[in-house]
Amino acid sequence: MTDVLLPLAVVVPIVAATLPLALGLRYDRVGWPIAAVGTTAVAGIAAAIAAEVVVNGPFDHALGGFLPPVGIELVADRLSVAVLLLVAAVSVATLAFARVAGPRGNPFYSAYLLLVGGLVGMVLTGDLFNLFVFLEITGLTTYALIASDRSGASAYASLKYLVVGTVGASLYLLGVGYVFLATGTLNMLDVQAQIVAQAGYGDPLVRASYAFIVTGLALKIAIFPIHSWQPDAYQRAPDSVTTVVAALVSTTSAYALIRVTYTVFTVEFLAANESIATALLVVSTVSIVAGSALAAIQSNLKRMFAYSSVAQFGMIGAAVALANETALLGGIVHLIGHGIMKFGLFLGIGLLALGYGTREFADLASAARAAPYTSGAIAVLGLALVGIPPSIGFLGKWYIGVGAVDAGLAGGGTIGIAVAGAIFVSTLFTLSYVARLLERFYFAGAGLPGDHGEVPGTSDEDDGAAATDGGRGDDHAATDGAAGGGESSPAKTADGLPAPVEGAPRSSLVPDRVPTAPLLALGLAVLATVALGFGGFALAEWFGPFLTEAFA
């Protein structure tokens, strides 16, 4: 009966998504409690599924009793469970942040729960068309959530994502149609068998189907040069929405790329179609360098880490295309690690914006003195993104780089070495913008002249005058619009530190003017990032069964 956990994980958030709207006809503030109960239930179910997989191995569930390949199948193995746990943990933690940062309202919480249901469905489904259905549920709810603060900028970003995402979903669906024409089935494992039995790896329909599916997923993942929706969406969405979208939406699409490539088409397909694998490898390599270079020149924090995601997902795409067991292990580890790191980074950025109105590099001088714990967490996560050991960011890059070199030495030509070189160059770019962030946090001391946080009110024009808003004290200093978009410079205290915005939350545990629960979630993200960095052999053992099956 444990197989019933799989449909429950999908059904619970989707059914719960109807309740805030239905009960909202009578109650105004029912959305958050329902969302909290729904996401917590998903987390509990995910933990139970993980325990079952550990004890008894992979298991599946045929929906409605219709056995595959005719019926739709939900499947849990060690790969899907790892992503499922990530989805469950991030969705619960982000909801704690959304309660204080907004958006609020019953429609928002309904969309949030529907997004969680779509993500869980993408992770667990064993059917290609069903994957498209959940991909669309995820996409449609993401469009709505990005525009949920009802500003013109977020509406434009949402519309841009809508257009690009629709194209991506259409290309994916076209590829699924070609698969069905070639094999007569849509069940993932059955497609794998029928490609060999009926069509062959060189069949034009099979090759076209993979090309369309990968292109569609690449649009969803935001691999360069089809990435343009992502920076706008991440920057303009409300902070809590950016946190969950950056951590999960592209991550589950990248998971789908791994699943389709190695469970449906298999490594033998990549070996038989070197031109397709090389094309994916070249595009991913360019994405690694271009995303990092674009991130290094940004001044807005959310936009910078959005471009960073373009580079990180390029590494995962390269790991998939290398068709190397070590590289694929690195791609999977980096997939999980990137989700954790980006959750923490965007949560930290959102907390600083909520408490101090800081969204630009120029506003961060000595932020570590005003918010030491939040700044410290962002610093650790930034260094993990660079790949400083011990961190899961280092593990992922290391495995991908070693796999790329192995592939090059084993006859893969120069492209494998080029991937390793691109990862090295990307790491240098990442170090440059993370170091710039750390410099603003810790070394742009308040009171120093020039571009280093000059104390307001000490210039020749205002000699002896108090800083504007700086003398109000921690409880009242603010600037209108700082929390909304960053166009206005946040207020400073008399010491030149970022001043808390009016009404900023106050924690009894730390001096940071941020809410306690999201700060604890940020701390857990830091601990997970570092702890998993020590788990190289454990992670290799955890994903070993999937890798063994993929490269058998």
Protein backbone atom coordinates (compact mmCIF):
# COMPACT_ATOMS: atom_id res chain seq x y z
CA MET A 1 0.00 0.00 0.00
CA THR A 2 3.01 2.30 0.21
CA ASP A 3 2.71 3.01 -3.51
CA VAL A 4 -0.31 5.21 -2.70
CA LEU A 5 2.16 7.75 -1.33
CA LEU A 6 3.10 8.71 -4.89
CA PRO A 7 -0.32 9.95 -6.03
CA LEU A 8 -0.87 11.52 -2.61
CA ALA A 9 2.25 13.64 -3.05
CA VAL A 10 0.75 15.07 -6.25
CA VAL A 11 -2.90 15.24 -5.25
CA VAL A 12 -2.51 16.86 -1.81
CA PRO A 13 -1.11 20.22 -3.01
CA ILE A 14 -3.34 20.35 -6.09
CA VAL A 15 -6.52 19.70 -4.09
CA ALA A 16 -5.34 22.06 -1.36
CA ALA A 17 -4.87 24.75 -4.02
CA THR A 18 -8.64 24.93 -4.47
CA LEU A 19 -9.33 25.63 -0.79
CA PRO A 20 -7.97 29.20 -0.43
CA LEU A 21 -10.17 30.33 -3.32
CA ALA A 22 -13.23 28.41 -2.16
CA LEU A 23 -12.95 29.31 1.52
CA GLY A 24 -11.78 32.80 0.59
CA LEU A 25 -15.36 33.60 -0.38
CA ARG A 26 -16.07 33.65 3.34
CA TYR A 27 -12.69 34.12 5.06
CA ASP A 28 -10.10 36.70 4.07
CA ARG A 29 -6.95 35.20 5.60
CA VAL A 30 -7.38 31.48 5.19
CA GLY A 31 -4.76 31.08 2.45
CA TRP A 32 -1.57 30.93 4.50
CA PRO A 33 -2.71 28.28 7.03
CA ILE A 34 -3.95 26.05 4.20
CA ALA A 35 -0.71 26.49 2.26
CA ALA A 36 1.32 25.77 5.40
CA VAL A 37 -0.59 22.57 6.12
CA GLY A 38 -0.47 21.52 2.46
CA THR A 39 3.26 22.01 1.99
CA THR A 40 4.04 20.42 5.36
CA ALA A 41 1.96 17.41 4.33
CA VAL A 42 3.92 17.18 1.07
CA ALA A 43 7.16 17.28 3.07
CA GLY A 44 5.96 14.44 5.29
CA ILE A 45 4.88 12.36 2.30
CA ALA A 46 8.21 13.03 0.59
CA ALA A 47 10.06 11.82 3.68
CA ALA A 48 7.95 8.65 3.73
CA ILE A 49 8.64 8.04 0.04
CA ALA A 50 12.37 8.51 0.64
CA ALA A 51 12.30 6.05 3.54
CA GLU A 52 10.52 3.46 1.38
CA VAL A 53 13.05 3.86 -1.42
CA VAL A 54 15.96 3.47 1.01
CA VAL A 55 14.48 0.35 2.66
CA ASN A 56 12.88 -1.45 -0.27
CA GLY A 57 14.24 0.21 -3.39
CA PRO A 58 12.39 1.98 -6.23
CA PHE A 59 8.63 1.55 -6.50
CA ASP A 60 5.81 2.77 -8.74
CA HIS A 61 2.08 3.33 -8.87
CA ALA A 62 -0.28 2.85 -11.84
CA LEU A 63 -2.89 5.61 -11.74
CA GLY A 64 -6.47 4.35 -11.80
CA GLY A 65 -5.29 0.77 -11.90
CA PHE A 66 -4.41 1.03 -15.61
CA LEU A 67 -1.06 -0.66 -15.94
CA PRO A 68 1.67 0.83 -18.12
CA PRO A 69 2.35 1.25 -20.95
CA VAL A 70 -1.35 2.10 -21.44
CA GLY A 71 -1.83 3.80 -18.08
CA ILE A 72 0.08 6.63 -16.48
CA GLU A 73 2.78 5.59 -14.05
CA LEU A 74 4.34 7.43 -11.11
CA VAL A 75 7.82 6.27 -10.16
CA ALA A 76 10.14 6.92 -7.21
CA ASP A 77 13.82 6.07 -7.32
CA ARG A 78 16.86 7.63 -5.68
CA LEU A 79 17.20 10.37 -8.29
CA SER A 80 13.56 11.47 -8.18
CA VAL A 81 13.48 11.22 -4.37
CA ALA A 82 16.45 13.60 -4.03
CA VAL A 83 14.72 16.24 -6.16
CA LEU A 84 11.39 15.58 -4.41
CA LEU A 85 12.96 16.26 -1.00
CA LEU A 86 14.45 19.48 -2.38
CA VAL A 87 11.03 20.59 -3.66
CA ALA A 88 9.35 19.78 -0.34
CA ALA A 89 11.96 21.51 1.82
CA VAL A 90 12.19 24.68 -0.27
CA SER A 91 8.41 25.03 -0.62
CA VAL A 92 7.92 24.90 3.17
CA ALA A 93 10.79 27.29 3.91
CA THR A 94 9.80 29.81 1.23
CA LEU A 95 6.27 29.90 2.57
CA ALA A 96 7.63 31.08 5.92
CA PHE A 97 9.34 33.96 4.14
CA ALA A 98 6.27 34.79 2.03
CA ARG A 99 4.18 35.21 5.17
CA VAL A 100 6.16 38.30 6.17
CA ALA A 101 7.44 39.51 2.78
CA GLY A 102 4.32 38.91 0.71
CA PRO A 103 2.61 38.70 -1.67
CA ARG A 104 -0.45 37.95 0.36
CA GLY A 105 -3.98 37.01 -0.51
CA ASN A 106 -5.80 33.77 -1.10
CA PRO A 107 -5.16 33.69 -4.89
CA PHE A 108 -1.40 33.82 -4.27
CA TYR A 109 -1.47 30.83 -1.93
CA SER A 110 -3.64 28.87 -4.35
CA ALA A 111 -1.15 29.48 -7.14
CA TYR A 112 1.72 28.59 -4.81
CA LEU A 113 0.18 25.22 -3.91
CA LEU A 114 -0.58 24.51 -7.56
CA LEU A 115 3.07 25.24 -8.38
CA VAL A 116 4.19 22.75 -5.73
CA GLY A 117 1.82 20.13 -7.17
CA GLY A 118 3.16 20.69 -10.67
CA LEU A 119 6.77 20.39 -9.51
CA VAL A 120 6.07 17.18 -7.58
CA GLY A 121 4.29 15.74 -10.62
CA MET A 122 7.24 16.54 -12.89
CA VAL A 123 9.57 14.75 -10.51
CA LEU A 124 7.50 11.59 -10.05
CA THR A 125 5.89 10.96 -13.42
CA GLY A 126 7.04 8.08 -15.60
CA ASP A 127 5.10 9.19 -18.69
CA LEU A 128 6.35 11.67 -21.30
CA PHE A 129 2.97 13.27 -22.01
CA ASN A 130 2.13 13.46 -18.32
CA LEU A 131 5.44 15.26 -17.87
CA PHE A 132 4.21 17.83 -20.39
CA VAL A 133 1.00 18.30 -18.39
CA PHE A 134 2.89 18.99 -15.18
CA LEU A 135 5.39 21.15 -17.06
CA GLU A 136 2.48 23.34 -18.17
CA ILE A 137 0.95 23.45 -14.68
CA THR A 138 4.31 24.60 -13.37
CA GLY A 139 4.72 27.15 -16.15
CA LEU A 140 1.26 28.69 -15.88
CA THR A 141 1.46 29.10 -12.12
CA THR A 142 4.97 30.55 -12.39
CA TYR A 143 3.75 33.19 -14.86
CA ALA A 144 1.02 34.20 -12.42
CA LEU A 145 3.32 34.25 -9.40
CA ILE A 146 5.93 36.42 -11.13
CA ALA A 147 3.25 39.04 -11.80
CA SER A 148 1.63 38.66 -8.38
CA ASP A 149 2.77 42.06 -7.05
CA ARG A 150 0.83 43.66 -9.95
CA SER A 151 3.58 46.08 -10.95
CA GLY A 152 4.19 46.94 -14.59
CA ALA A 153 7.75 45.60 -14.52
CA SER A 154 6.73 42.22 -13.11
CA ALA A 155 3.84 41.99 -15.58
CA TYR A 156 6.27 42.58 -18.46
CA ALA A 157 8.69 39.96 -17.09
CA SER A 158 5.83 37.50 -16.70
CA LEU A 159 4.62 38.13 -20.25
CA LYS A 160 8.13 37.61 -21.60
CA TYR A 161 8.41 34.33 -19.72
CA LEU A 162 4.94 33.34 -20.91
CA VAL A 163 5.91 33.73 -24.56
CA VAL A 164 9.25 31.94 -24.20
CA GLY A 165 7.81 29.25 -21.95
CA THR A 166 4.95 28.56 -24.35
CA VAL A 167 7.42 28.10 -27.19
CA GLY A 168 9.46 25.74 -25.03
CA ALA A 169 6.44 23.67 -24.02
CA SER A 170 5.28 23.51 -27.65
CA LEU A 171 8.66 22.25 -28.81
CA TYR A 172 8.67 19.65 -26.05
CA LEU A 173 5.17 18.49 -27.04
CA LEU A 174 6.21 18.28 -30.68
CA GLY A 175 9.11 16.04 -29.65
CA VAL A 176 6.75 13.83 -27.65
CA GLY A 177 4.54 13.53 -30.75
CA TYR A 178 7.50 12.31 -32.79
CA VAL A 179 8.33 9.79 -30.06
CA PHE A 180 4.79 8.45 -30.20
CA LEU A 181 4.93 8.16 -33.98
CA ALA A 182 8.19 6.25 -33.79
CA THR A 183 7.33 3.92 -30.90
CA GLY A 184 3.57 3.93 -30.36
CA THR A 185 3.95 4.50 -26.62
CA LEU A 186 4.56 7.31 -24.10
CA ASN A 187 5.64 5.41 -20.98
CA MET A 188 9.29 6.26 -20.39
CA LEU A 189 10.60 2.74 -19.89
CA ASP A 190 8.46 1.38 -22.72
CA VAL A 191 9.73 4.09 -25.07
CA GLN A 192 13.27 3.05 -24.17
CA ALA A 193 12.50 -0.54 -25.15
CA GLN A 194 10.53 0.31 -28.29
CA ILE A 195 13.23 2.62 -29.67
CA VAL A 196 15.52 -0.40 -29.78
CA ALA A 197 12.85 -2.89 -30.90
CA GLN A 198 11.06 -0.82 -33.58
CA ALA A 199 12.97 2.27 -34.64
CA GLY A 200 16.65 2.30 -33.77
CA TYR A 201 18.84 5.14 -32.55
CA GLY A 202 19.42 6.47 -36.05
CA ASP A 203 15.74 6.77 -36.96
CA PRO A 204 14.99 10.35 -38.11
CA LEU A 205 11.83 10.50 -35.98
CA VAL A 206 13.74 9.45 -32.87
CA ARG A 207 16.54 11.94 -33.51
CA ALA A 208 14.08 14.75 -34.23
CA SER A 209 12.07 13.93 -31.12
CA TYR A 210 15.13 14.20 -28.88
CA ALA A 211 16.20 17.45 -30.53
CA PHE A 212 12.78 19.04 -30.01
CA ILE A 213 12.46 17.79 -26.43
CA VAL A 214 15.91 19.03 -25.47
CA THR A 215 15.34 22.42 -27.11
CA GLY A 216 12.02 22.83 -25.32
CA LEU A 217 13.54 21.92 -21.96
CA ALA A 218 16.54 24.19 -22.64
CA LEU A 219 14.12 27.12 -22.97
CA LYS A 220 12.61 26.20 -19.62
CA ILE A 221 16.02 25.75 -18.02
CA ALA A 222 17.33 29.03 -19.52
CA ILE A 223 20.51 27.87 -21.24
CA PHE A 224 22.32 30.55 -23.26
CA PRO A 225 21.35 31.97 -25.75
CA ILE A 226 17.68 31.18 -24.99
CA HIS A 227 17.94 32.51 -21.47
CA SER A 228 16.66 36.07 -21.81
CA TRP A 229 13.46 35.54 -19.81
CA GLN A 230 15.28 34.50 -16.64
CA PRO A 231 17.07 37.69 -15.50
CA ASP A 232 13.92 39.79 -15.92
CA ALA A 233 11.75 37.20 -14.20
CA TYR A 234 14.09 36.80 -11.24
CA GLN A 235 14.65 40.54 -10.81
CA ARG A 236 11.07 41.71 -11.19
CA ALA A 237 9.22 38.96 -9.32
CA PRO A 238 8.42 39.46 -5.63
CA ASP A 239 11.30 38.28 -3.47
CA SER A 240 9.51 35.22 -2.10
CA VAL A 241 8.51 34.18 -5.62
CA THR A 242 12.06 34.60 -6.89
CA THR A 243 13.27 32.38 -4.05
CA VAL A 244 11.08 29.42 -4.97
CA VAL A 245 11.35 29.90 -8.75
CA ALA A 246 15.15 30.17 -8.72
CA ALA A 247 15.52 27.11 -6.50
CA LEU A 248 12.98 24.80 -8.10
CA VAL A 249 11.46 25.67 -11.47
CA SER A 250 14.52 25.45 -13.72
CA THR A 251 15.89 22.72 -11.43
CA THR A 252 12.97 20.39 -12.13
CA SER A 253 13.27 21.11 -15.86
CA ALA A 254 16.96 20.18 -15.68
CA TYR A 255 15.94 17.02 -13.81
CA ALA A 256 13.54 16.28 -16.67
CA LEU A 257 16.43 16.68 -19.13
CA ILE A 258 18.48 14.11 -17.19
CA ARG A 259 15.53 11.74 -16.87
CA VAL A 260 14.53 11.91 -20.54
CA THR A 261 18.10 11.57 -21.78
CA TYR A 262 19.17 8.62 -19.65
CA THR A 263 15.90 6.81 -18.90
CA VAL A 264 14.12 7.26 -22.24
CA PHE A 265 16.79 7.71 -24.92
CA THR A 266 19.75 6.20 -22.99
CA VAL A 267 23.48 6.70 -23.26
CA GLU A 268 23.57 4.46 -26.34
CA PHE A 269 21.52 7.06 -28.20
CA LEU A 270 24.09 9.75 -27.40
CA ALA A 271 26.90 7.44 -28.52
CA ALA A 272 25.10 6.70 -31.80
CA ASN A 273 24.34 10.38 -32.46
CA GLU A 274 27.55 12.21 -31.68
CA SER A 275 26.47 15.31 -33.61
CA ILE A 276 23.46 15.82 -31.31
CA ALA A 277 25.54 15.28 -28.18
CA THR A 278 28.24 17.61 -29.48
CA ALA A 279 25.70 20.34 -30.27
CA LEU A 280 24.30 20.15 -26.72
CA LEU A 281 27.83 20.17 -25.37
CA VAL A 282 28.86 23.25 -27.35
CA VAL A 283 25.75 25.21 -26.37
CA SER A 284 26.19 24.25 -22.72
CA THR A 285 29.86 25.24 -22.76
CA VAL A 286 29.04 28.65 -24.20
CA SER A 287 26.32 29.01 -21.56
CA ILE A 288 28.85 28.32 -18.79
CA VAL A 289 31.14 31.15 -19.85
CA ALA A 290 28.55 33.63 -21.10
CA GLY A 291 26.33 33.34 -18.03
CA SER A 292 29.25 33.88 -15.69
CA ALA A 293 30.58 36.83 -17.68
CA LEU A 294 27.17 38.50 -17.77
CA ALA A 295 26.73 37.93 -14.03
CA ALA A 296 30.05 39.62 -13.31
CA ILE A 297 28.94 42.94 -14.82
CA GLN A 298 25.61 43.28 -13.02
CA SER A 299 24.89 45.79 -10.27
CA ASN A 300 21.53 44.35 -9.15
CA LEU A 301 21.89 41.36 -6.82
CA LYS A 302 18.93 39.36 -8.11
CA ARG A 303 19.92 39.93 -11.72
CA MET A 304 23.49 38.91 -11.00
CA PHE A 305 22.52 35.58 -9.51
CA ALA A 306 19.98 35.04 -12.30
CA TYR A 307 22.80 35.16 -14.85
CA SER A 308 24.78 32.92 -12.53
CA SER A 309 22.03 30.33 -12.91
CA VAL A 310 22.49 30.43 -16.68
CA ALA A 311 26.11 29.36 -16.15
CA GLN A 312 25.34 26.72 -13.52
CA PHE A 313 22.67 25.06 -15.65
CA GLY A 314 25.12 25.14 -18.53
CA MET A 315 27.37 22.92 -16.42
CA ILE A 316 24.50 20.51 -15.83
CA GLY A 317 23.70 20.46 -19.57
CA ALA A 318 27.36 19.71 -20.31
CA ALA A 319 27.34 16.89 -17.76
CA VAL A 320 24.35 15.36 -19.54
CA ALA A 321 25.93 15.64 -22.99
CA LEU A 322 29.32 14.21 -21.95
CA ALA A 323 27.72 10.78 -21.47
CA ASN A 324 30.27 10.03 -18.79
CA GLU A 325 29.38 8.44 -15.46
CA THR A 326 31.56 10.76 -13.40
CA ALA A 327 30.28 13.85 -15.21
CA LEU A 328 26.66 12.77 -14.83
CA LEU A 329 27.18 12.22 -11.10
CA GLY A 330 28.56 15.75 -10.96
CA GLY A 331 25.58 17.08 -12.90
CA ILE A 332 23.13 15.46 -10.48
CA VAL A 333 25.03 16.63 -7.41
CA HIS A 334 25.28 20.14 -8.86
CA LEU A 335 21.55 20.08 -9.64
CA ILE A 336 20.70 19.46 -5.98
CA GLY A 337 23.42 21.76 -4.67
CA HIS A 338 22.47 24.60 -6.98
CA GLY A 339 18.86 24.40 -5.82
CA ILE A 340 19.95 24.68 -2.17
CA MET A 341 22.46 27.46 -2.82
CA LYS A 342 20.13 29.58 -4.93
CA PHE A 343 17.35 29.14 -2.41
CA GLY A 344 19.64 30.47 0.31
CA LEU A 345 21.11 33.28 -1.78
CA PHE A 346 17.77 34.65 -2.97
CA LEU A 347 16.29 34.22 0.51
CA GLY A 348 19.20 36.19 1.96
CA ILE A 349 18.84 38.91 -0.68
CA GLY A 350 15.12 39.07 0.05
CA LEU A 351 15.74 39.38 3.78
CA LEU A 352 18.17 42.29 3.27
CA ALA A 353 15.64 43.97 0.98
CA LEU A 354 12.86 43.42 3.52
CA GLY A 355 14.85 44.74 6.45
CA TYR A 356 17.07 47.38 4.87
CA GLY A 357 15.81 48.05 1.34
CA THR A 358 19.15 47.03 -0.21
CA ARG A 359 19.03 45.53 -3.70
CA GLU A 360 22.07 47.03 -5.43
CA PHE A 361 25.78 46.63 -4.83
CA ALA A 362 26.02 50.36 -4.13
CA ASP A 363 23.72 49.97 -1.12
CA LEU A 364 25.69 47.22 0.63
CA ALA A 365 28.60 49.12 2.19
CA SER A 366 29.26 47.59 5.63
CA ALA A 367 25.99 45.63 5.48
CA ALA A 368 27.69 42.93 7.54
CA ARG A 369 27.87 45.34 10.48
CA ALA A 370 24.14 46.04 10.32
CA ALA A 371 23.06 42.44 9.53
CA PRO A 372 25.96 40.14 10.44
CA TYR A 373 24.12 36.82 10.36
CA THR A 374 22.27 37.40 7.10
CA SER A 375 25.38 38.78 5.42
CA GLY A 376 27.49 35.92 6.74
CA ALA A 377 25.08 33.34 5.38
CA ILE A 378 25.08 34.99 1.95
CA ALA A 379 28.89 35.10 2.06
CA VAL A 380 29.18 31.37 2.79
CA LEU A 381 26.67 30.49 0.06
CA GLY A 382 28.46 32.76 -2.39
CA LEU A 383 31.77 31.03 -1.69
CA ALA A 384 30.03 27.67 -2.15
CA LEU A 385 28.78 28.89 -5.52
CA VAL A 386 32.38 29.67 -6.46
CA GLY A 387 33.26 26.10 -5.54
CA ILE A 388 35.29 26.63 -2.37
CA PRO A 389 35.56 23.34 -0.43
CA PRO A 390 34.03 21.98 1.64
CA SER A 391 30.75 22.69 -0.10
CA ILE A 392 28.39 20.91 -2.43
CA GLY A 393 29.21 23.55 -5.03
CA PHE A 394 32.78 22.26 -5.09
CA LEU A 395 31.69 18.62 -5.37
CA GLY A 396 29.44 19.20 -8.38
CA LYS A 397 32.02 21.20 -10.30
CA TRP A 398 34.78 18.75 -9.42
CA TYR A 399 32.91 15.69 -10.68
CA ILE A 400 31.83 17.46 -13.88
CA GLY A 401 35.36 18.71 -14.52
CA VAL A 402 36.94 15.31 -13.89
CA GLY A 403 34.35 13.65 -16.11
CA ALA A 404 35.02 16.18 -18.86
CA VAL A 405 38.77 15.53 -18.73
CA ASP A 406 38.19 11.76 -18.71
CA ALA A 407 35.93 12.08 -21.74
CA GLY A 408 38.55 14.14 -23.56
CA LEU A 409 41.37 11.72 -22.76
CA ALA A 410 39.21 8.74 -23.71
CA GLY A 411 38.81 9.97 -27.27
CA GLY A 412 36.26 12.71 -26.93
CA GLY A 413 38.56 15.15 -28.67
CA THR A 414 39.17 18.66 -27.43
CA ILE A 415 35.57 19.34 -26.47
CA GLY A 416 35.91 17.56 -23.12
CA ILE A 417 39.00 19.59 -22.26
CA ALA A 418 37.14 22.72 -23.44
CA VAL A 419 34.33 21.99 -20.96
CA ALA A 420 36.83 21.68 -18.12
CA GLY A 421 38.44 24.94 -19.22
CA ALA A 422 35.04 26.66 -19.37
CA ILE A 423 34.30 25.55 -15.81
CA PHE A 424 37.63 27.00 -14.70
CA VAL A 425 36.95 30.32 -16.46
CA SER A 426 33.42 30.38 -15.04
CA THR A 427 34.82 29.83 -11.56
CA LEU A 428 37.09 32.85 -11.97
CA PHE A 429 34.15 35.02 -13.07
CA THR A 430 32.08 33.72 -10.16
CA LEU A 431 34.91 34.50 -7.78
CA SER A 432 35.07 38.04 -9.16
CA TYR A 433 31.46 38.93 -8.43
CA VAL A 434 31.29 37.04 -5.15
CA ALA A 435 34.50 38.78 -4.03
CA ARG A 436 32.92 42.11 -5.02
CA LEU A 437 29.93 41.21 -2.86
CA LEU A 438 32.15 40.29 0.09
CA GLU A 439 34.10 43.52 -0.35
CA ARG A 440 30.91 45.53 -0.03
CA PHE A 441 29.78 43.50 2.98
CA TYR A 442 32.99 43.54 4.97
CA PHE A 443 35.59 45.90 3.56
CA ALA A 444 33.68 48.93 2.22
CA GLY A 445 33.89 50.46 5.68
CA ALA A 446 31.44 53.15 6.68
CA GLY A 447 33.15 56.48 7.16
CA LEU A 448 35.82 55.96 4.52
CA PRO A 449 35.96 58.49 1.69
CA GLY A 450 35.12 58.01 -1.95
CA ASP A 451 33.32 54.88 -3.02
CA HIS A 452 33.66 53.20 0.36
CA GLY A 453 30.61 54.28 2.24
CA GLU A 454 31.21 57.94 3.00
CA VAL A 455 29.22 58.96 6.01
CA PRO A 456 26.24 61.04 4.96
CA GLY A 457 26.44 64.59 6.19
CA THR A 458 30.25 64.87 6.23
CA SER A 459 30.72 66.40 2.80
CA ASP A 460 31.77 70.02 2.32
CA GLU A 461 28.25 71.01 1.38
CA ASP A 462 26.71 69.46 4.47
CA ASP A 463 29.54 69.77 6.97
CA GLY A 464 28.16 69.08 10.41
CA ALA A 465 24.66 68.35 9.16
CA ALA A 466 22.89 65.17 10.12
CA ALA A 467 22.37 62.51 7.45
CA THR A 468 19.02 62.51 5.77
CA ASP A 469 16.87 60.05 7.68
CA GLY A 470 20.02 58.81 9.36
CA GLY A 471 19.22 60.33 12.71
CA ARG A 472 15.87 58.69 13.07
CA GLY A 473 17.36 55.59 14.58
CA ASP A 474 16.96 51.96 13.65
CA ASP A 475 13.22 51.88 14.03
CA HIS A 476 12.21 54.54 11.56
CA ALA A 477 14.88 55.16 8.92
CA ALA A 478 13.56 54.30 5.49
CA THR A 479 13.23 55.47 1.94
CA ASP A 480 10.08 55.24 -0.04
CA GLY A 481 10.31 52.67 -2.77
CA ALA A 482 13.50 50.99 -1.57
CA ALA A 483 11.72 47.78 -0.78
CA GLY A 484 9.77 47.86 -3.99
CA GLY A 485 12.32 48.16 -6.70
CA GLY A 486 15.64 49.56 -5.65
CA GLU A 487 15.51 52.72 -7.76
CA SER A 488 15.88 54.94 -4.65
CA SER A 489 18.94 54.69 -2.44
CA PRO A 490 18.12 53.21 0.97
CA ALA A 491 18.60 55.37 4.04
CA LYS A 492 21.78 55.30 6.09
CA THR A 493 22.31 55.57 9.82
CA ALA A 494 24.51 58.30 11.30
CA ASP A 495 27.41 55.81 11.08
CA GLY A 496 26.81 55.27 7.37
CA LEU A 497 25.37 51.76 7.78
CA PRO A 498 22.25 50.53 5.96
CA ALA A 499 19.32 51.72 8.06
CA PRO A 500 16.33 49.45 8.72
CA VAL A 501 13.24 50.37 6.75
CA GLU A 502 10.26 51.61 8.70
CA GLY A 503 8.53 48.72 10.40
CA ALA A 504 11.35 46.26 9.69
CA PRO A 505 10.99 43.01 11.67
CA ARG A 506 13.04 42.67 14.84
CA SER A 507 14.44 39.35 16.05
CA SER A 508 15.16 38.67 19.70
CA LEU A 509 17.97 36.30 18.73
CA VAL A 510 20.18 38.38 16.43
CA PRO A 511 20.83 42.06 15.71
CA ASP A 512 19.70 41.63 12.08
CA ARG A 513 16.40 43.39 11.38
CA VAL A 514 14.92 40.34 9.68
CA PRO A 515 12.21 37.86 10.69
CA THR A 516 13.39 34.90 12.74
CA ALA A 517 11.80 31.95 10.89
CA PRO A 518 13.20 32.78 7.42
CA LEU A 519 16.59 33.52 8.99
CA LEU A 520 16.58 30.04 10.53
CA ALA A 521 15.72 28.60 7.12
CA LEU A 522 18.65 30.52 5.67
CA GLY A 523 20.92 29.03 8.33
CA LEU A 524 19.70 25.53 7.50
CA ALA A 525 20.49 26.15 3.82
CA VAL A 526 24.04 27.11 4.78
CA LEU A 527 24.42 24.01 6.95
CA ALA A 528 23.10 21.77 4.17
CA THR A 529 25.46 23.36 1.63
CA VAL A 530 28.50 22.72 3.84
CA ALA A 531 27.40 19.34 5.22
CA LEU A 532 26.73 17.90 1.77
CA GLY A 533 30.18 19.09 0.78
CA PHE A 534 31.57 16.38 3.06
CA GLY A 535 29.29 13.77 1.49
CA GLY A 536 31.12 13.00 -1.75
CA PHE A 537 31.25 9.23 -1.26
CA ALA A 538 27.79 9.14 0.33
CA LEU A 539 26.27 11.02 -2.60
CA ALA A 540 28.07 8.75 -5.08
CA GLU A 541 26.64 5.75 -3.25
CA TRP A 542 23.16 7.30 -3.08
CA PHE A 543 22.97 7.94 -6.84
CA GLY A 544 24.97 4.79 -7.68
CA PRO A 545 21.94 2.63 -8.60
CA PHE A 546 20.68 5.20 -11.11
CA LEU A 547 24.15 5.65 -12.62
CA THR A 548 24.68 1.89 -12.82
CA GLU A 549 21.38 1.46 -14.62
CA ALA A 550 22.08 4.38 -16.98
CA PHE A 551 25.53 3.10 -17.97
CA ALA A 552 24.85 -0.63 -17.79
